[in-house]
Amino acid sequence: MSGSVTPLPDSSGEQKIRVLLVDDIPETRENLRKLLFFEADIEVVGAATNGEEGVQMAVELKPDIVLMDINMPGMDGITASEHISQQSPVTQIIMMSVQGEADYLRRSMLAGAREFLIKPFSSDELVSSIRRVYQLGASRRLVMPTPTPGAGGATAGKTAVESTGKIVSIFSSKGGVGCSTIAVNLAIALQQNAAIKVAVVDTSLQFGDIGVLLNLYASRTIADLASNSDELDDELISDVFIPHSSGVKALLAPPRPEVADTVTPTLVTDVLDRLRRMFDVIIVDTGSVLDDVVLNVLDLSDKIIVVTTPEIPSIKDAKLFFEVTEALEYERDRIMFVLNKTDKRINIRAEDIEANIKYPIQGQLPLDERSVTTSVNQGVPYVLSDKNGVLTKAVTQLGMKLLRSLKDNEEG
């Protein structure tokens, strides 16, 4: 993963972490300047006195980091952070507050803040936080659209916004290979390690498990959009998402199988198109049947992660699916072939599968039945409960490889 992180600037000052201060109290702004003055790798590029000014300066200056006070008259830090996250996606936000209640922390993270500092904090705490968030934010550029030379004006800005979000579908033509578990853990790994806004969408409409795996109550699901399909807007879609404590937001499948019929392929397509403007990466868990909904999702996907296991039925089904992708003329570079549940005790090797299917395996996730079973039964993804585990590291590496692949495809 270290290869994907931009190294910190050296002490020469040639490249610095550019910081914008946003606080309505003059003494606080001045104290922050003093705390950062002697850091050779950090430069304060501006100071705003309120939320509105902070948003304007963030859009104009494009700082690496915004130090944002949460309580300000007029536009508060939460609202300002939401605007900055939308208008300057590469800018990372650190929220500051004299109050450390869980609700403030939750609202800050949902607004796009990467860290939360409780006043008063020390110089070491401030500087460490800035450097840490800066490093996390470096990976975000992997999914940012590459600017077109000479592009400008409103049209160029609109194109950049609309093309930001990348749709990544997780598919297997064989049920039970672990697609849903991979989807939730990959989404959280991306959100936490790459400092990007990630959604996970359950389009296994009859028997979706994303809500169970995240321990989320399905108070709102994609079915709630069906009755308003002719009046969809970003606000309506956002209201149906359920936030997870990790920072990921989830759009869950209907609560009962018979309700799935209300969700049409057209609705799924419209929702995913809109999500491109709301998130950096949209992880879509699909069903294992190639119906109209799944085919629409695959058609929209910037990357299709095809999952198999080292078992003959699963390998056979994967081979059949690749024959379908060739018939549909899907570009090979849109597909990532992932081998799940790898185990040295099994005599079917990755090389054997590649030779049989004629597709390179680009990721391998080790078999860890204990971690996965505990994770599934408790509703706590293993990337959160077993942060140093081998499986967590493998999923994190897969996520970084996915981001690099998305960027390569865009530039190609």
Protein backbone atom coordinates (compact mmCIF):
# COMPACT_ATOMS: atom_id res chain seq x y z
CA MET A 1 0.00 0.00 0.00
CA SER A 2 2.92 2.33 0.61
CA GLY A 3 3.46 2.67 -3.11
CA SER A 4 0.11 4.43 -3.47
CA VAL A 5 0.78 7.17 -0.93
CA THR A 6 2.41 10.43 -1.94
CA PRO A 7 5.52 10.95 0.20
CA LEU A 8 5.57 13.93 2.52
CA PRO A 9 7.37 17.02 1.26
CA ASP A 10 10.97 17.34 2.33
CA SER A 11 12.34 20.12 4.49
CA SER A 12 13.47 22.14 1.46
CA GLY A 13 10.02 23.69 1.23
CA GLU A 14 9.65 22.97 -2.47
CA GLN A 15 6.39 21.14 -1.88
CA LYS A 16 4.28 21.86 1.17
CA ILE A 17 0.98 20.78 2.64
CA ARG A 18 -1.29 23.73 1.89
CA VAL A 19 -3.67 24.50 4.78
CA LEU A 20 -6.72 26.79 4.94
CA LEU A 21 -7.98 27.96 8.36
CA VAL A 22 -11.71 28.52 8.91
CA ASP A 23 -12.71 29.91 12.32
CA ASP A 24 -14.78 32.92 13.35
CA ILE A 25 -12.56 33.76 16.35
CA PRO A 26 -9.49 35.90 15.42
CA GLU A 27 -7.43 34.63 18.38
CA THR A 28 -7.97 31.02 17.30
CA ARG A 29 -6.89 31.74 13.74
CA GLU A 30 -3.76 33.47 14.99
CA ASN A 31 -2.93 30.65 17.41
CA LEU A 32 -3.26 28.10 14.62
CA ARG A 33 -0.91 30.16 12.45
CA LYS A 34 1.64 30.23 15.26
CA LEU A 35 1.39 26.50 15.87
CA LEU A 36 2.09 25.78 12.21
CA PHE A 37 4.62 28.53 11.50
CA PHE A 38 7.73 26.49 12.30
CA GLU A 39 6.66 23.37 10.37
CA ALA A 40 8.79 23.33 7.22
CA ASP A 41 6.40 21.06 5.33
CA ILE A 42 3.19 23.00 6.10
CA GLU A 43 2.04 26.33 4.69
CA VAL A 44 -1.05 28.29 5.75
CA VAL A 45 -2.42 29.64 2.46
CA GLY A 46 -5.43 31.49 3.84
CA ALA A 47 -7.77 32.16 6.75
CA ALA A 48 -11.56 32.50 6.53
CA THR A 49 -13.74 34.12 9.17
CA ASN A 50 -16.94 32.15 8.52
CA GLY A 51 -18.36 29.15 6.67
CA GLU A 52 -19.38 31.00 3.51
CA GLU A 53 -15.95 32.57 3.14
CA GLY A 54 -14.34 29.20 3.90
CA VAL A 55 -16.21 27.52 1.04
CA GLN A 56 -15.30 30.32 -1.39
CA MET A 57 -11.62 30.25 -0.44
CA ALA A 58 -11.48 26.45 -0.57
CA VAL A 59 -12.85 26.47 -4.12
CA GLU A 60 -10.43 29.21 -5.20
CA LEU A 61 -7.27 28.03 -3.40
CA LYS A 62 -7.78 24.25 -3.59
CA PRO A 63 -5.87 23.64 -0.32
CA ASP A 64 -4.78 20.14 0.69
CA ILE A 65 -6.28 20.53 4.18
CA VAL A 66 -9.01 22.70 5.70
CA LEU A 67 -9.00 23.19 9.47
CA MET A 68 -12.70 23.83 10.07
CA ASP A 69 -14.39 25.04 13.26
CA ILE A 70 -17.71 23.28 13.75
CA ASN A 71 -19.61 26.10 15.49
CA MET A 72 -19.76 29.38 13.57
CA PRO A 73 -22.54 31.92 13.04
CA GLY A 74 -24.34 31.73 9.70
CA MET A 75 -23.06 28.69 7.83
CA ASP A 76 -21.65 26.28 10.40
CA GLY A 77 -18.70 23.93 9.88
CA ILE A 78 -20.89 20.93 9.05
CA THR A 79 -22.65 22.72 6.18
CA ALA A 80 -19.43 24.32 4.95
CA SER A 81 -17.70 20.92 4.93
CA GLU A 82 -20.50 19.42 2.85
CA HIS A 83 -20.11 22.21 0.26
CA ILE A 84 -16.32 21.89 0.17
CA SER A 85 -16.50 18.10 -0.22
CA GLN A 86 -18.76 18.56 -3.25
CA GLN A 87 -16.95 21.50 -4.88
CA SER A 88 -13.32 20.66 -4.09
CA PRO A 89 -13.19 16.85 -3.73
CA VAL A 90 -9.40 16.64 -3.36
CA THR A 91 -9.45 18.91 -0.28
CA GLN A 92 -9.43 17.05 3.04
CA ILE A 93 -11.20 18.46 6.11
CA ILE A 94 -10.21 18.29 9.77
CA MET A 95 -13.02 19.42 12.06
CA MET A 96 -12.31 21.33 15.28
CA SER A 97 -14.66 21.68 18.25
CA VAL A 98 -14.65 22.37 21.96
CA GLN A 99 -17.25 19.61 22.30
CA GLY A 100 -16.46 15.95 21.80
CA GLU A 101 -19.92 14.37 21.81
CA ALA A 102 -20.45 11.35 19.58
CA ASP A 103 -23.17 13.17 17.63
CA TYR A 104 -20.74 15.92 16.62
CA LEU A 105 -18.21 13.33 15.51
CA ARG A 106 -20.81 11.38 13.53
CA ARG A 107 -22.19 14.47 11.80
CA SER A 108 -18.68 15.67 10.96
CA MET A 109 -17.71 12.38 9.34
CA LEU A 110 -20.95 12.26 7.35
CA ALA A 111 -20.20 15.79 6.11
CA GLY A 112 -16.84 14.63 4.77
CA ALA A 113 -14.41 15.41 7.60
CA ARG A 114 -11.47 13.02 7.90
CA GLU A 115 -10.56 13.72 11.53
CA PHE A 116 -12.01 15.46 14.59
CA LEU A 117 -9.84 17.54 16.95
CA ILE A 118 -11.16 18.60 20.35
CA LYS A 119 -10.01 22.04 21.51
CA PRO A 120 -7.65 22.75 23.12
CA PHE A 121 -5.15 20.49 21.33
CA SER A 122 -1.38 20.50 21.31
CA SER A 123 0.91 21.46 18.47
CA ASP A 124 1.97 17.81 18.11
CA GLU A 125 -1.66 16.66 17.86
CA LEU A 126 -2.43 19.28 15.22
CA VAL A 127 0.62 18.64 13.07
CA SER A 128 0.30 14.84 13.30
CA SER A 129 -3.36 15.08 12.27
CA ILE A 130 -2.55 17.30 9.26
CA ARG A 131 0.21 14.99 8.03
CA ARG A 132 -1.88 11.86 8.54
CA VAL A 133 -4.91 13.23 6.70
CA TYR A 134 -2.69 14.56 3.92
CA GLN A 135 -1.21 11.12 3.35
CA LEU A 136 -4.65 9.51 3.34
CA GLY A 137 -5.86 12.11 0.86
CA ALA A 138 -3.04 11.35 -1.56
CA SER A 139 -4.81 8.15 -2.66
CA ARG A 140 -7.95 10.11 -3.43
CA ARG A 141 -6.29 11.51 -6.54
CA LEU A 142 -6.31 7.99 -7.98
CA VAL A 143 -10.06 8.30 -8.55
CA MET A 144 -10.16 11.97 -9.45
CA PRO A 145 -10.72 12.66 -13.16
CA THR A 146 -7.65 13.81 -15.05
CA PRO A 147 -8.09 17.45 -16.16
CA THR A 148 -8.19 17.98 -19.90
CA PRO A 149 -5.44 20.38 -21.03
CA GLY A 150 -6.90 23.70 -21.97
CA ALA A 151 -10.32 22.84 -20.53
CA GLY A 152 -12.08 25.60 -18.70
CA GLY A 153 -15.33 27.37 -18.06
CA ALA A 154 -18.62 25.98 -16.86
CA THR A 155 -18.67 23.08 -19.26
CA ALA A 156 -15.34 21.73 -18.09
CA GLY A 157 -16.37 22.06 -14.45
CA LYS A 158 -19.62 20.24 -15.08
CA THR A 159 -17.86 17.40 -16.87
CA ALA A 160 -15.42 16.98 -13.98
CA VAL A 161 -18.23 16.66 -11.47
CA GLU A 162 -20.26 14.23 -13.53
CA SER A 163 -17.32 11.95 -14.33
CA THR A 164 -15.88 11.68 -10.82
CA GLY A 165 -17.76 8.69 -9.41
CA LYS A 166 -16.66 5.20 -10.42
CA ILE A 167 -19.06 2.25 -10.33
CA VAL A 168 -17.51 -1.06 -9.28
CA SER A 169 -19.71 -4.15 -9.39
CA ILE A 170 -18.95 -7.36 -7.48
CA PHE A 171 -20.24 -10.38 -9.39
CA SER A 172 -20.10 -14.13 -9.42
CA SER A 173 -22.20 -16.51 -11.46
CA LYS A 174 -21.94 -18.94 -8.52
CA GLY A 175 -23.70 -18.11 -5.25
CA GLY A 176 -21.92 -18.48 -1.94
CA VAL A 177 -18.44 -17.45 -3.06
CA GLY A 178 -18.36 -14.37 -0.78
CA CYS A 179 -19.31 -11.44 -3.02
CA SER A 180 -21.37 -9.61 -0.39
CA THR A 181 -18.69 -9.99 2.26
CA ILE A 182 -16.05 -8.73 -0.16
CA ALA A 183 -18.30 -5.80 -1.14
CA VAL A 184 -18.75 -4.41 2.38
CA ASN A 185 -15.14 -4.95 3.46
CA LEU A 186 -13.74 -3.51 0.23
CA ALA A 187 -16.00 -0.46 0.56
CA ILE A 188 -14.84 0.23 4.13
CA ALA A 189 -11.20 -0.41 3.27
CA LEU A 190 -11.42 2.15 0.46
CA GLN A 191 -13.20 4.71 2.60
CA GLN A 192 -10.70 4.42 5.46
CA ASN A 193 -7.44 3.97 3.59
CA ALA A 194 -7.95 6.18 0.56
CA ALA A 195 -9.94 9.01 2.19
CA ILE A 196 -12.69 8.89 -0.43
CA LYS A 197 -16.49 8.95 -0.26
CA VAL A 198 -17.77 5.41 -0.77
CA ALA A 199 -21.26 4.00 -1.17
CA VAL A 200 -22.24 0.34 -1.13
CA VAL A 201 -25.40 -0.55 -3.04
CA ASP A 202 -27.25 -3.86 -2.73
CA THR A 203 -28.83 -4.87 -6.04
CA SER A 204 -29.39 -8.46 -4.98
CA LEU A 205 -32.97 -7.31 -4.66
CA GLN A 206 -34.70 -10.44 -3.38
CA PHE A 207 -32.18 -11.73 -0.85
CA GLY A 208 -29.63 -8.97 -0.31
CA ASP A 209 -27.36 -9.29 2.73
CA ILE A 210 -25.56 -5.95 2.88
CA GLY A 211 -27.76 -4.70 5.72
CA VAL A 212 -27.09 -7.82 7.81
CA LEU A 213 -23.34 -7.71 7.17
CA LEU A 214 -23.22 -4.07 8.32
CA ASN A 215 -25.71 -4.61 11.16
CA LEU A 216 -28.00 -1.94 9.72
CA TYR A 217 -31.76 -1.92 10.19
CA ALA A 218 -33.47 -1.60 6.81
CA SER A 219 -35.66 1.36 7.78
CA ARG A 220 -35.11 2.75 4.27
CA THR A 221 -34.29 0.78 1.12
CA ILE A 222 -34.06 1.22 -2.63
CA ALA A 223 -37.73 0.17 -2.81
CA ASP A 224 -38.66 3.50 -1.20
CA LEU A 225 -37.54 5.18 -4.41
CA ALA A 226 -39.88 3.13 -6.61
CA SER A 227 -42.95 5.25 -5.89
CA ASN A 228 -40.98 8.40 -6.76
CA SER A 229 -39.12 7.07 -9.79
CA ASP A 230 -40.40 9.92 -11.98
CA GLU A 231 -39.27 12.56 -9.48
CA LEU A 232 -35.80 11.34 -8.50
CA ASP A 233 -33.34 13.92 -7.29
CA ASP A 234 -30.09 13.80 -5.32
CA GLU A 235 -31.75 14.82 -2.06
CA LEU A 236 -34.37 12.08 -2.29
CA ILE A 237 -31.74 9.44 -3.02
CA SER A 238 -29.50 10.69 -0.22
CA ASP A 239 -32.36 10.39 2.27
CA VAL A 240 -32.73 6.68 1.49
CA PHE A 241 -29.08 5.90 2.22
CA ILE A 242 -28.25 4.59 5.70
CA PRO A 243 -24.92 5.74 7.20
CA HIS A 244 -22.59 3.18 8.75
CA SER A 245 -20.25 4.00 11.62
CA SER A 246 -17.25 3.45 9.32
CA GLY A 247 -18.26 6.43 7.16
CA VAL A 248 -19.56 4.30 4.30
CA LYS A 249 -23.17 4.88 3.26
CA ALA A 250 -25.40 1.98 2.24
CA LEU A 251 -28.38 1.66 -0.07
CA LEU A 252 -30.06 -1.54 1.04
CA ALA A 253 -32.14 -4.11 -0.81
CA PRO A 254 -35.90 -4.36 -0.15
CA PRO A 255 -36.84 -5.99 3.16
CA ARG A 256 -38.87 -8.79 1.58
CA PRO A 257 -38.47 -10.76 -1.69
CA GLU A 258 -41.89 -9.84 -3.07
CA VAL A 259 -41.06 -6.12 -2.82
CA ALA A 260 -38.15 -6.59 -5.23
CA ASP A 261 -40.52 -6.50 -8.20
CA THR A 262 -41.19 -2.81 -7.53
CA VAL A 263 -37.56 -1.98 -8.31
CA THR A 264 -37.17 -1.83 -12.07
CA PRO A 265 -33.92 -2.04 -14.06
CA THR A 266 -34.52 1.54 -15.21
CA LEU A 267 -34.77 2.74 -11.61
CA VAL A 268 -31.49 1.03 -10.70
CA THR A 269 -29.80 2.62 -13.71
CA ASP A 270 -31.11 6.10 -12.89
CA VAL A 271 -30.00 5.81 -9.25
CA LEU A 272 -26.48 4.61 -10.11
CA ASP A 273 -26.06 7.40 -12.67
CA ARG A 274 -26.92 9.98 -10.02
CA LEU A 275 -24.62 8.39 -7.46
CA ARG A 276 -21.63 9.19 -9.69
CA ARG A 277 -22.09 12.83 -8.66
CA MET A 278 -22.46 12.01 -4.97
CA PHE A 279 -19.64 9.54 -4.30
CA ASP A 280 -16.11 8.81 -5.47
CA VAL A 281 -16.61 5.05 -5.64
CA ILE A 282 -19.88 3.10 -5.68
CA ILE A 283 -19.48 -0.58 -4.77
CA VAL A 284 -22.45 -2.57 -6.13
CA ASP A 285 -23.19 -6.05 -4.83
CA THR A 286 -25.13 -7.96 -7.47
CA GLY A 287 -27.15 -11.14 -7.63
CA SER A 288 -25.67 -14.21 -9.31
CA VAL A 289 -28.34 -14.40 -12.02
CA LEU A 290 -27.85 -12.44 -15.24
CA ASP A 291 -31.24 -10.73 -15.22
CA ASP A 292 -31.99 -7.24 -16.55
CA VAL A 293 -31.00 -5.53 -13.31
CA VAL A 294 -27.60 -7.23 -13.13
CA LEU A 295 -26.89 -6.71 -16.82
CA ASN A 296 -27.71 -3.00 -16.48
CA VAL A 297 -25.34 -2.75 -13.52
CA LEU A 298 -22.55 -4.52 -15.40
CA ASP A 299 -23.07 -2.27 -18.43
CA LEU A 300 -22.70 0.83 -16.24
CA SER A 301 -19.69 -0.45 -14.30
CA ASP A 302 -16.27 1.12 -14.74
CA LYS A 303 -14.86 -2.06 -13.22
CA ILE A 304 -16.37 -5.52 -12.77
CA ILE A 305 -14.81 -7.63 -10.03
CA VAL A 306 -15.49 -11.26 -10.92
CA VAL A 307 -15.12 -13.54 -7.91
CA THR A 308 -14.42 -17.26 -7.91
CA THR A 309 -13.15 -19.83 -5.42
CA PRO A 310 -10.77 -22.79 -5.93
CA GLU A 311 -13.65 -25.20 -6.47
CA ILE A 312 -14.60 -26.85 -9.75
CA PRO A 313 -18.28 -25.67 -9.89
CA SER A 314 -17.24 -22.07 -9.19
CA ILE A 315 -14.44 -22.17 -11.77
CA LYS A 316 -16.80 -23.66 -14.36
CA ASP A 317 -19.35 -20.91 -13.79
CA ALA A 318 -16.68 -18.22 -13.99
CA LYS A 319 -15.54 -19.59 -17.33
CA LEU A 320 -19.11 -19.47 -18.63
CA PHE A 321 -19.48 -15.88 -17.47
CA PHE A 322 -16.32 -14.82 -19.28
CA GLU A 323 -17.79 -16.29 -22.45
CA VAL A 324 -20.80 -14.03 -21.86
CA THR A 325 -18.59 -10.96 -21.40
CA GLU A 326 -16.90 -11.68 -24.71
CA ALA A 327 -20.29 -12.01 -26.42
CA LEU A 328 -21.32 -8.68 -24.87
CA GLU A 329 -18.00 -7.19 -26.02
CA TYR A 330 -16.93 -6.01 -22.58
CA GLU A 331 -13.39 -4.68 -22.63
CA ARG A 332 -11.02 -7.00 -20.81
CA ASP A 333 -9.48 -4.13 -18.86
CA ARG A 334 -12.87 -3.44 -17.25
CA ILE A 335 -12.70 -6.79 -15.47
CA MET A 336 -10.73 -7.75 -12.36
CA PHE A 337 -10.64 -11.49 -11.73
CA VAL A 338 -10.36 -12.25 -7.99
CA LEU A 339 -9.76 -15.61 -6.34
CA ASN A 340 -11.39 -15.83 -2.92
CA LYS A 341 -10.76 -18.39 -0.14
CA THR A 342 -7.29 -19.34 -1.33
CA ASP A 343 -5.75 -22.13 0.71
CA LYS A 344 -2.36 -23.83 0.24
CA ARG A 345 -3.95 -27.10 1.35
CA ILE A 346 -6.16 -27.10 -1.76
CA ASN A 347 -4.49 -28.58 -4.82
CA ILE A 348 -6.15 -26.17 -7.26
CA ARG A 349 -3.70 -23.31 -7.74
CA ALA A 350 -4.28 -19.85 -9.15
CA GLU A 351 -2.03 -20.71 -12.09
CA ASP A 352 -4.23 -23.69 -12.92
CA ILE A 353 -7.37 -21.52 -12.94
CA GLU A 354 -5.71 -18.89 -15.14
CA ALA A 355 -4.61 -21.55 -17.61
CA ASN A 356 -8.11 -23.03 -17.76
CA ILE A 357 -10.08 -19.77 -18.05
CA LYS A 358 -7.48 -17.72 -19.97
CA TYR A 359 -7.98 -14.73 -17.67
CA PRO A 360 -5.31 -13.37 -15.29
CA ILE A 361 -6.12 -13.42 -11.58
CA GLN A 362 -5.49 -9.91 -10.25
CA GLY A 363 -6.25 -10.46 -6.59
CA GLN A 364 -6.22 -13.30 -4.08
CA LEU A 365 -7.98 -13.32 -0.71
CA PRO A 366 -6.91 -16.01 1.76
CA LEU A 367 -9.29 -18.45 3.42
CA ASP A 368 -10.00 -17.33 7.01
CA GLU A 369 -13.19 -19.06 8.06
CA ARG A 370 -12.99 -17.97 11.69
CA SER A 371 -12.64 -14.24 10.94
CA VAL A 372 -15.31 -14.27 8.25
CA THR A 373 -17.82 -16.31 10.28
CA THR A 374 -17.36 -14.12 13.35
CA SER A 375 -17.65 -11.00 11.21
CA VAL A 376 -20.83 -12.15 9.50
CA ASN A 377 -22.53 -13.33 12.69
CA GLN A 378 -21.73 -10.14 14.60
CA GLY A 379 -22.43 -7.74 11.74
CA VAL A 380 -18.96 -6.20 12.11
CA PRO A 381 -16.83 -6.31 8.91
CA TYR A 382 -13.45 -7.91 9.52
CA VAL A 383 -11.59 -4.85 8.24
CA LEU A 384 -12.87 -3.18 11.43
CA SER A 385 -12.73 -6.06 13.91
CA ASP A 386 -9.41 -7.55 12.75
CA LYS A 387 -7.47 -4.58 11.42
CA ASN A 388 -4.11 -6.36 11.38
CA GLY A 389 -5.42 -9.63 10.00
CA VAL A 390 -4.05 -11.22 6.85
CA LEU A 391 -7.48 -11.04 5.18
CA THR A 392 -7.86 -7.34 6.02
CA LYS A 393 -4.44 -6.60 4.52
CA ALA A 394 -5.33 -8.55 1.38
CA VAL A 395 -8.60 -6.63 0.91
CA THR A 396 -6.83 -3.31 1.48
CA GLN A 397 -4.23 -4.22 -1.15
CA LEU A 398 -7.04 -5.19 -3.53
CA GLY A 399 -8.65 -1.79 -2.94
CA MET A 400 -5.46 0.11 -3.74
CA LYS A 401 -4.96 -2.00 -6.86
CA LEU A 402 -8.55 -1.26 -7.87
CA LEU A 403 -8.01 2.50 -7.54
CA ARG A 404 -4.83 2.36 -9.63
CA SER A 405 -6.64 0.31 -12.26
CA LEU A 406 -9.51 2.81 -12.41
CA LYS A 407 -7.05 5.64 -12.86
CA ASP A 408 -5.11 3.77 -15.54
CA ASN A 409 -8.33 3.04 -17.45
CA GLU A 410 -9.33 6.71 -17.30
CA GLU A 411 -5.97 7.93 -18.57
CA GLY A 412 -5.88 5.21 -21.23
